[in-house]
PDB file of N, CA and C in Angstrom:
ATOM      1  N   LYS A   1       0.834  -1.206   0.000  1.00  0.00           N
ATOM      2  CA  LYS A   1       0.000   0.000   0.000  1.00  0.00           C
ATOM      3  C   LYS A   1       0.870   1.258   0.000  1.00  0.00           C
ATOM      4  N   LEU A   2       2.021   1.193   0.664  1.00  0.00           N
ATOM      5  CA  LEU A   2       2.877   2.370   0.756  1.00  0.00           C
ATOM      6  C   LEU A   2       3.351   2.798  -0.621  1.00  0.00           C
ATOM      7  N   LYS A   3       3.781   1.836  -1.447  1.00  0.00           N
ATOM      8  CA  LYS A   3       4.251   2.173  -2.792  1.00  0.00           C
ATOM      9  C   LYS A   3       3.123   2.801  -3.600  1.00  0.00           C
ATOM     10  N   GLY A   4       1.906   2.299  -3.448  1.00  0.00           N
ATOM     11  CA  GLY A   4       0.776   2.859  -4.177  1.00  0.00           C
ATOM     12  C   GLY A   4       0.502   4.281  -3.729  1.00  0.00           C
ATOM     13  N   HIS A   5       0.676   4.526  -2.433  1.00  0.00           N
ATOM     14  CA  HIS A   5       0.441   5.859  -1.876  1.00  0.00           C
ATOM     15  C   HIS A   5       1.466   6.855  -2.403  1.00  0.00           C
ATOM     16  N   LEU A   6       2.711   6.395  -2.568  1.00  0.00           N
ATOM     17  CA  LEU A   6       3.788   7.284  -2.990  1.00  0.00           C
ATOM     18  C   LEU A   6       3.959   7.323  -4.500  1.00  0.00           C
ATOM     19  N   SER A   7       3.263   6.448  -5.224  1.00  0.00           N
ATOM     20  CA  SER A   7       3.436   6.392  -6.675  1.00  0.00           C
ATOM     21  C   SER A   7       3.078   7.721  -7.325  1.00  0.00           C
ATOM     22  N   GLY A   8       3.864   8.121  -8.318  1.00  0.00           N
ATOM     23  CA  GLY A   8       3.592   9.367  -9.027  1.00  0.00           C
ATOM     24  C   GLY A   8       4.121  10.586  -8.300  1.00  0.00           C
ATOM     25  N   THR A   9       4.736  10.374  -7.146  1.00  0.00           N
ATOM     26  CA  THR A   9       5.282  11.497  -6.391  1.00  0.00           C
ATOM     27  C   THR A   9       6.791  11.577  -6.590  1.00  0.00           C
ATOM     28  N   LYS A  10       7.282  12.766  -6.883  1.00  0.00           N
ATOM     29  CA  LYS A  10       8.723  12.968  -7.088  1.00  0.00           C
ATOM     30  C   LYS A  10       9.352  13.488  -5.796  1.00  0.00           C
ATOM     31  N   PHE A  11      10.470  12.893  -5.409  1.00  0.00           N
ATOM     32  CA  PHE A  11      11.166  13.334  -4.203  1.00  0.00           C
ATOM     33  C   PHE A  11      12.529  13.910  -4.565  1.00  0.00           C
ATOM     34  N   SER A  12      12.899  15.003  -3.931  1.00  0.00           N
ATOM     35  CA  SER A  12      14.180  15.640  -4.227  1.00  0.00           C
ATOM     36  C   SER A  12      15.316  14.949  -3.478  1.00  0.00           C
ATOM     37  N   SER A  13      14.982  14.178  -2.456  1.00  0.00           N
ATOM     38  CA  SER A  13      16.015  13.484  -1.702  1.00  0.00           C
ATOM     39  C   SER A  13      15.416  12.290  -0.977  1.00  0.00           C
ATOM     40  N   LYS A  14      16.280  11.362  -0.553  1.00  0.00           N
ATOM     41  CA  LYS A  14      15.797  10.190   0.176  1.00  0.00           C
ATOM     42  C   LYS A  14      15.185  10.601   1.505  1.00  0.00           C
ATOM     43  N   ASN A  15      15.629  11.731   2.047  1.00  0.00           N
ATOM     44  CA  ASN A  15      15.079  12.212   3.308  1.00  0.00           C
ATOM     45  C   ASN A  15      13.603  12.556   3.133  1.00  0.00           C
ATOM     46  N   ASP A  16      13.255  13.091   1.952  1.00  0.00           N
ATOM     47  CA  ASP A  16      11.853  13.412   1.675  1.00  0.00           C
ATOM     48  C   ASP A  16      11.024  12.138   1.664  1.00  0.00           C
ATOM     49  N   VAL A  17      11.600  11.068   1.110  1.00  0.00           N
ATOM     50  CA  VAL A  17      10.896   9.786   1.065  1.00  0.00           C
ATOM     51  C   VAL A  17      10.657   9.292   2.486  1.00  0.00           C
ATOM     52  N   LYS A  18      11.666   9.401   3.330  1.00  0.00           N
ATOM     53  CA  LYS A  18      11.549   8.958   4.720  1.00  0.00           C
ATOM     54  C   LYS A  18      10.461   9.752   5.437  1.00  0.00           C
ATOM     55  N   THR A  19      10.463  11.064   5.236  1.00  0.00           N
ATOM     56  CA  THR A  19       9.464  11.923   5.877  1.00  0.00           C
ATOM     57  C   THR A  19       8.061  11.552   5.417  1.00  0.00           C
ATOM     58  N   ALA A  20       7.909  11.349   4.112  1.00  0.00           N
ATOM     59  CA  ALA A  20       6.599  10.995   3.565  1.00  0.00           C
ATOM     60  C   ALA A  20       6.144   9.650   4.122  1.00  0.00           C
ATOM     61  N   ALA A  21       7.068   8.703   4.207  1.00  0.00           N
ATOM     62  CA  ALA A  21       6.730   7.380   4.726  1.00  0.00           C
ATOM     63  C   ALA A  21       6.319   7.474   6.190  1.00  0.00           C
ATOM     64  N   GLU A  22       7.046   8.275   6.964  1.00  0.00           N
ATOM     65  CA  GLU A  22       6.711   8.431   8.381  1.00  0.00           C
ATOM     66  C   GLU A  22       5.349   9.084   8.544  1.00  0.00           C
ATOM     67  N   ASN A  23       5.068  10.094   7.731  1.00  0.00           N
ATOM     68  CA  ASN A  23       3.769  10.769   7.790  1.00  0.00           C
ATOM     69  C   ASN A  23       2.657   9.791   7.447  1.00  0.00           C
ATOM     70  N   TRP A  24       2.906   8.943   6.432  1.00  0.00           N
ATOM     71  CA  TRP A  24       1.904   7.964   6.006  1.00  0.00           C
ATOM     72  C   TRP A  24       1.653   6.956   7.124  1.00  0.00           C
ATOM     73  N   LEU A  25       2.739   6.478   7.739  1.00  0.00           N
ATOM     74  CA  LEU A  25       2.605   5.506   8.822  1.00  0.00           C
ATOM     75  C   LEU A  25       1.890   6.131  10.016  1.00  0.00           C
ATOM     76  N   ASN A  26       2.185   7.384  10.312  1.00  0.00           N
ATOM     77  CA  ASN A  26       1.512   8.079  11.414  1.00  0.00           C
ATOM     78  C   ASN A  26       0.015   8.156  11.138  1.00  0.00           C
ATOM     79  N   GLY A  27      -0.345   8.393   9.899  1.00  0.00           N
ATOM     80  CA  GLY A  27      -1.747   8.458   9.519  1.00  0.00           C
ATOM     81  C   GLY A  27      -2.414   7.105   9.702  1.00  0.00           C
ATOM     82  N   GLN A  28      -1.680   6.019   9.371  1.00  0.00           N
ATOM     83  CA  GLN A  28      -2.228   4.681   9.540  1.00  0.00           C
ATOM     84  C   GLN A  28      -2.453   4.392  11.022  1.00  0.00           C
ATOM     85  N   ASP A  29      -1.558   4.885  11.875  1.00  0.00           N
ATOM     86  CA  ASP A  29      -1.694   4.660  13.311  1.00  0.00           C
ATOM     87  C   ASP A  29      -3.002   5.259  13.823  1.00  0.00           C
ATOM     88  N   VAL A  30      -3.380   6.403  13.299  1.00  0.00           N
ATOM     89  CA  VAL A  30      -4.615   7.062  13.718  1.00  0.00           C
ATOM     90  C   VAL A  30      -5.808   6.172  13.397  1.00  0.00           C
ATOM     91  N   PHE A  31      -5.798   5.584  12.193  1.00  0.00           N
ATOM     92  CA  PHE A  31      -6.916   4.737  11.786  1.00  0.00           C
ATOM     93  C   PHE A  31      -6.932   3.432  12.577  1.00  0.00           C
ATOM     94  N   SER A  32      -5.762   2.827  12.805  1.00  0.00           N
ATOM     95  CA  SER A  32      -5.704   1.551  13.508  1.00  0.00           C
ATOM     96  C   SER A  32      -6.107   1.715  14.976  1.00  0.00           C
ATOM     97  N   ALA A  33      -5.935   2.916  15.514  1.00  0.00           N
ATOM     98  CA  ALA A  33      -6.300   3.176  16.902  1.00  0.00           C
ATOM     99  C   ALA A  33      -7.818   3.280  17.053  1.00  0.00           C
ATOM    100  N   ASN A  34      -8.512   3.518  15.924  1.00  0.00           N
ATOM    101  CA  ASN A  34      -9.969   3.637  15.953  1.00  0.00           C
ATOM    102  C   ASN A  34     -10.593   2.749  14.873  1.00  0.00           C
ATOM    103  N   PRO A  35     -10.527   1.423  15.062  1.00  0.00           N
ATOM    104  CA  PRO A  35     -11.046   0.500  14.035  1.00  0.00           C
ATOM    105  C   PRO A  35     -12.549   0.649  13.826  1.00  0.00           C
ATOM    106  N   GLY A  36     -12.973   0.469  12.578  1.00  0.00           N
ATOM    107  CA  GLY A  36     -14.393   0.516  12.269  1.00  0.00           C
ATOM    108  C   GLY A  36     -14.967   1.903  12.384  1.00  0.00           C
TER     109      GLY A  36
END
């Protein structure tokens, strides 16, 4: 799912990729904390 979320997005550096991935994971944590 992560690759699909980031697909089509251009990053200027690997650090940007890390930040985007962390933001995405943080967002998933919000949803998993409140199932259904």
